[in-house]
Protein backbone atom coordinates (compact mmCIF):
# COMPACT_ATOMS: atom_id res chain seq x y z
CA MET A 1 -36.76 50.48 -6.97
CA ARG A 2 -40.53 50.11 -7.12
CA VAL A 3 -42.39 53.06 -8.62
CA LEU A 4 -46.12 53.75 -8.75
CA LEU A 5 -47.45 55.91 -11.57
CA ASP A 6 -49.97 58.65 -10.90
CA THR A 7 -52.80 58.41 -13.43
CA HIS A 8 -51.78 61.46 -15.45
CA ILE A 9 -48.22 60.08 -15.70
CA LEU A 10 -49.64 56.82 -17.04
CA LEU A 11 -51.76 58.69 -19.60
CA TRP A 12 -48.85 60.87 -20.73
CA GLY A 13 -46.60 57.83 -21.05
CA GLN A 14 -49.14 55.88 -23.07
CA ALA A 15 -49.70 58.86 -25.38
CA GLY A 16 -46.00 59.69 -25.78
CA ASP A 17 -46.83 63.16 -24.45
CA PRO A 18 -43.80 65.47 -24.11
CA ALA A 19 -45.27 66.69 -20.79
CA LEU A 20 -43.91 63.49 -19.22
CA PRO A 21 -40.84 64.60 -17.22
CA LYS A 22 -37.58 63.00 -18.34
CA ASP A 23 -36.79 61.70 -14.83
CA ALA A 24 -40.24 60.08 -14.70
CA GLU A 25 -39.74 58.42 -18.08
CA GLN A 26 -36.31 57.19 -17.00
CA ALA A 27 -37.70 55.74 -13.74
CA ILE A 28 -40.48 53.96 -15.63
CA ARG A 29 -38.20 52.49 -18.31
CA SER A 30 -35.18 51.62 -16.16
CA GLU A 31 -34.55 47.88 -16.20
CA GLY A 32 -33.65 47.93 -12.51
CA ASN A 33 -37.04 49.33 -11.54
CA GLU A 34 -40.50 47.82 -11.24
CA ALA A 35 -43.11 50.17 -12.70
CA TRP A 36 -46.54 49.67 -11.12
CA VAL A 37 -49.99 50.91 -12.15
CA SER A 38 -52.76 50.77 -9.59
CA VAL A 39 -56.21 49.40 -10.34
CA VAL A 40 -57.27 52.77 -8.92
CA SER A 41 -55.88 54.39 -12.09
CA PHE A 42 -57.89 52.01 -14.27
CA TRP A 43 -60.99 52.98 -12.27
CA GLU A 44 -60.22 56.72 -12.56
CA ILE A 45 -59.66 56.46 -16.32
CA GLY A 46 -62.85 54.45 -16.76
CA LEU A 47 -64.92 56.88 -14.72
CA LYS A 48 -63.55 60.00 -16.40
CA HIS A 49 -63.99 58.43 -19.83
CA SER A 50 -67.60 57.45 -19.07
CA ILE A 51 -68.57 61.02 -18.10
CA GLY A 52 -66.82 62.57 -21.10
CA LYS A 53 -63.87 64.15 -19.25
CA LEU A 54 -61.30 61.84 -20.86
CA PRO A 55 -61.75 61.11 -24.55
CA LEU A 56 -59.80 58.12 -25.84
CA LEU A 57 -58.85 57.23 -29.39
CA MET A 58 -60.03 53.64 -28.89
CA PRO A 59 -62.58 51.72 -26.84
CA LEU A 60 -61.86 51.67 -23.11
CA ASP A 61 -61.10 47.94 -22.95
CA ASP A 62 -58.63 48.28 -25.82
CA PHE A 63 -56.95 51.19 -24.04
CA PHE A 64 -56.66 49.13 -20.86
CA GLN A 65 -55.10 46.34 -22.90
CA THR A 66 -52.39 48.74 -24.15
CA ILE A 67 -51.48 49.38 -20.51
CA LEU A 68 -51.34 45.66 -19.76
CA ASP A 69 -49.30 45.06 -22.92
CA ALA A 70 -46.77 47.66 -21.75
CA ASN A 71 -45.75 45.18 -19.02
CA PHE A 72 -46.57 47.33 -16.02
CA MET A 73 -47.10 45.49 -12.78
CA VAL A 74 -50.72 45.94 -11.65
CA LEU A 75 -51.24 46.87 -8.00
CA PRO A 76 -54.55 45.59 -6.61
CA LEU A 77 -56.50 47.51 -4.01
CA ASP A 78 -56.25 45.89 -0.59
CA PRO A 79 -58.00 46.78 2.68
CA ALA A 80 -54.63 47.90 4.09
CA HIS A 81 -54.39 50.47 1.27
CA ILE A 82 -57.82 51.81 2.18
CA VAL A 83 -56.78 52.12 5.83
CA ALA A 84 -53.57 53.93 4.79
CA ALA A 85 -55.49 56.36 2.57
CA SER A 86 -58.14 56.91 5.24
CA THR A 87 -55.56 58.01 7.79
CA LEU A 88 -53.97 60.65 5.54
CA PRO A 89 -54.44 64.30 6.47
CA LEU A 90 -56.78 66.18 4.14
CA HIS A 91 -54.15 68.11 2.20
CA HIS A 92 -55.63 66.73 -0.99
CA ARG A 93 -59.30 65.84 -1.45
CA ASP A 94 -59.18 63.89 -4.72
CA PRO A 95 -60.12 60.33 -3.69
CA PHE A 96 -58.13 58.70 -6.50
CA ASP A 97 -54.97 60.62 -5.61
CA ARG A 98 -55.43 59.92 -1.91
CA MET A 99 -55.73 56.21 -2.62
CA LEU A 100 -52.58 56.24 -4.78
CA ILE A 101 -50.73 58.06 -2.01
CA GLY A 102 -52.01 55.54 0.55
CA GLN A 103 -50.94 52.65 -1.65
CA ALA A 104 -47.47 54.08 -2.27
CA LYS A 105 -47.02 54.81 1.42
CA HIS A 106 -48.17 51.34 2.50
CA GLU A 107 -46.12 49.54 -0.15
CA GLY A 108 -42.97 51.66 0.32
CA MET A 109 -43.03 52.78 -3.31
CA GLN A 110 -41.88 56.00 -4.90
CA LEU A 111 -44.77 57.81 -6.54
CA ILE A 112 -44.30 59.39 -9.96
CA THR A 113 -46.36 62.56 -10.29
CA VAL A 114 -46.18 66.24 -11.17
CA ASP A 115 -48.94 67.12 -8.70
CA ALA A 116 -47.26 69.47 -6.20
CA GLN A 117 -49.97 68.74 -3.61
CA PHE A 118 -48.42 65.30 -3.11
CA LYS A 119 -45.40 66.91 -1.42
CA ALA A 120 -47.50 67.53 1.70
CA TYR A 121 -47.60 63.77 2.36
CA HIS A 122 -43.83 63.34 2.77
CA ILE A 123 -43.51 60.32 0.51
CA PRO A 124 -40.72 59.76 -2.01
CA LEU A 125 -41.70 61.44 -5.29
CA ILE A 126 -40.31 61.43 -8.81
CA GLY A 127 -41.27 64.02 -11.41
CA LEU A 128 -41.43 67.16 -9.29
């Protein structure tokens, strides 16, 4: 199974936060699964860090390296993902979340999130 991590799931996992649901952690760590992180999450983290909404305990590039060192697959942003996100109904207005939903939908991935608004998009979810 291929799973795509929502940004907050990625952050909780990297921090060892107990808020990470057990089924999400199991899906991420299962040897039979491919755990993917979108470049969109890197962008979201970078933007939120730069405006002071996401403090980190290390420089941003070092934090990104910890994600890469965790052996996640990195999902690039393709024009087809943008088309998929652009055709979504406006149940959710966060552009980062909409792009992750579009990517998961286009790639046939299960999305790991605890954001209940994602349910409106009828995609396979883990963590809710």
